[in-house]
């Protein structure tokens, strides 16, 4: 796993080769594994690493790529905009995904 990547797409391709193939999405109760149709709570997740990508022309292009492992052994990626905390995401999940500088 590299310390940085030049683009989001390159990071995703590289991390998928390392086995982070699950496609995670934020939902109202936690993080959903799209293909397995299951939802993980904050206590079932470990954020291994994260990468920030800032858009060259627009702040709307800012994203964060989270590298996640679950307590059940699933390894995957969560891509989200910087403004994810504005939605109905559970507080414990917000704390789990908080980026500390």
Protein backbone atom coordinates (compact mmCIF):
# COMPACT_ATOMS: atom_id res chain seq x y z
CA UNK A 1 0.00 0.00 0.00
CA UNK A 2 1.50 3.28 -1.11
CA UNK A 3 1.61 6.48 0.93
CA UNK A 4 0.02 8.50 -1.87
CA UNK A 5 -1.45 8.22 -5.35
CA UNK A 6 -1.69 10.70 -8.21
CA UNK A 7 -5.38 9.99 -8.86
CA UNK A 8 -8.39 8.29 -7.34
CA UNK A 9 -8.70 5.79 -10.19
CA UNK A 10 -5.06 4.70 -9.90
CA UNK A 11 -5.45 4.26 -6.13
CA UNK A 12 -8.57 2.13 -6.55
CA UNK A 13 -6.94 -0.08 -9.17
CA UNK A 14 -3.83 -0.60 -7.05
CA UNK A 15 -5.73 -1.31 -3.83
CA UNK A 16 -8.06 -3.75 -5.58
CA UNK A 17 -4.96 -5.69 -6.68
CA UNK A 18 -4.02 -5.86 -2.98
CA UNK A 19 -7.36 -7.50 -2.19
CA UNK A 20 -9.51 -4.50 -1.24
CA UNK A 21 -12.31 -5.48 -3.61
CA UNK A 22 -15.51 -4.94 -1.61
CA UNK A 23 -17.49 -1.88 -2.69
CA UNK A 24 -18.71 -0.05 0.43
CA UNK A 25 -21.27 2.77 0.59
CA UNK A 26 -22.42 4.98 3.44
CA UNK A 27 -26.00 4.46 4.58
CA UNK A 28 -28.16 5.64 7.47
CA UNK A 29 -27.15 2.77 9.73
CA UNK A 30 -23.49 2.24 8.82
CA UNK A 31 -21.53 1.07 5.80
CA UNK A 32 -23.20 -1.20 3.28
CA UNK A 33 -21.42 -3.90 1.30
CA UNK A 34 -23.20 -3.45 -2.03
CA UNK A 35 -22.82 -6.97 -3.40
CA UNK A 36 -23.39 -8.93 -0.19
CA UNK A 37 -26.34 -6.73 0.86
CA UNK A 38 -25.11 -6.44 4.44
CA UNK A 39 -24.47 -3.43 6.66
CA UNK A 40 -21.54 -3.00 9.04
CA UNK A 41 -21.67 -0.78 12.11
CA UNK A 42 -18.71 1.34 13.23
CA UNK A 43 -17.65 -1.30 15.75
CA UNK A 44 -17.27 -3.84 12.92
CA UNK A 45 -14.89 -1.65 10.87
CA UNK A 46 -11.23 -0.83 10.87
CA UNK A 47 -10.06 2.08 8.71
CA UNK A 48 -6.63 0.89 7.59
CA UNK A 49 -5.72 4.03 5.67
CA UNK A 50 -7.27 6.94 3.82
CA UNK A 51 -6.29 9.04 0.84
CA UNK A 52 -7.44 12.58 0.01
CA UNK A 53 -7.92 13.76 -3.54
CA UNK A 54 -8.49 17.42 -4.27
CA UNK A 55 -9.99 18.60 -7.54
CA UNK A 56 -7.81 20.87 -9.62
CA UNK A 57 -10.65 23.04 -10.87
CA UNK A 58 -13.53 22.64 -8.45
CA UNK A 59 -13.93 22.02 -4.72
CA UNK A 60 -16.84 19.74 -5.67
CA UNK A 61 -14.25 17.24 -6.92
CA UNK A 62 -12.77 16.68 -3.44
CA UNK A 63 -12.98 13.05 -2.32
CA UNK A 64 -11.62 10.72 0.30
CA UNK A 65 -10.85 7.06 -0.33
CA UNK A 66 -11.09 4.92 2.82
CA UNK A 67 -9.32 1.54 2.91
CA UNK A 68 -11.47 -0.62 5.20
CA UNK A 69 -11.32 -4.08 6.76
CA UNK A 70 -14.27 -5.57 8.62
CA UNK A 71 -14.33 -7.87 11.63
CA UNK A 72 -15.63 -10.61 9.29
CA UNK A 73 -12.56 -10.34 7.05
CA UNK A 74 -14.01 -8.30 4.19
CA UNK A 75 -11.56 -5.86 2.63
CA UNK A 76 -12.82 -2.98 0.56
CA UNK A 77 -12.99 0.67 -0.34
CA UNK A 78 -15.32 3.54 0.48
CA UNK A 79 -15.19 6.63 -1.71
CA UNK A 80 -16.90 9.72 -0.40
CA UNK A 81 -16.93 13.49 -0.72
CA UNK A 82 -15.50 15.66 2.04
CA UNK A 83 -19.02 16.71 3.00
CA UNK A 84 -20.30 13.29 4.03
CA UNK A 85 -20.86 14.38 7.62
CA UNK A 86 -23.82 16.49 6.58
CA UNK A 87 -26.07 13.47 6.01
CA UNK A 88 -27.80 11.02 8.34
CA UNK A 89 -24.67 9.05 9.18
CA UNK A 90 -24.54 7.55 12.71
CA UNK A 91 -22.36 9.48 15.17
CA UNK A 92 -20.12 6.47 15.97
CA UNK A 93 -19.44 6.00 12.26
CA UNK A 94 -18.57 9.69 11.88
CA UNK A 95 -16.04 9.28 14.71
CA UNK A 96 -14.60 6.14 13.10
CA UNK A 97 -14.11 7.93 9.75
CA UNK A 98 -12.93 11.24 11.20
CA UNK A 99 -9.66 12.36 9.70
CA UNK A 100 -7.15 13.48 12.30
CA UNK A 101 -4.40 15.69 10.98
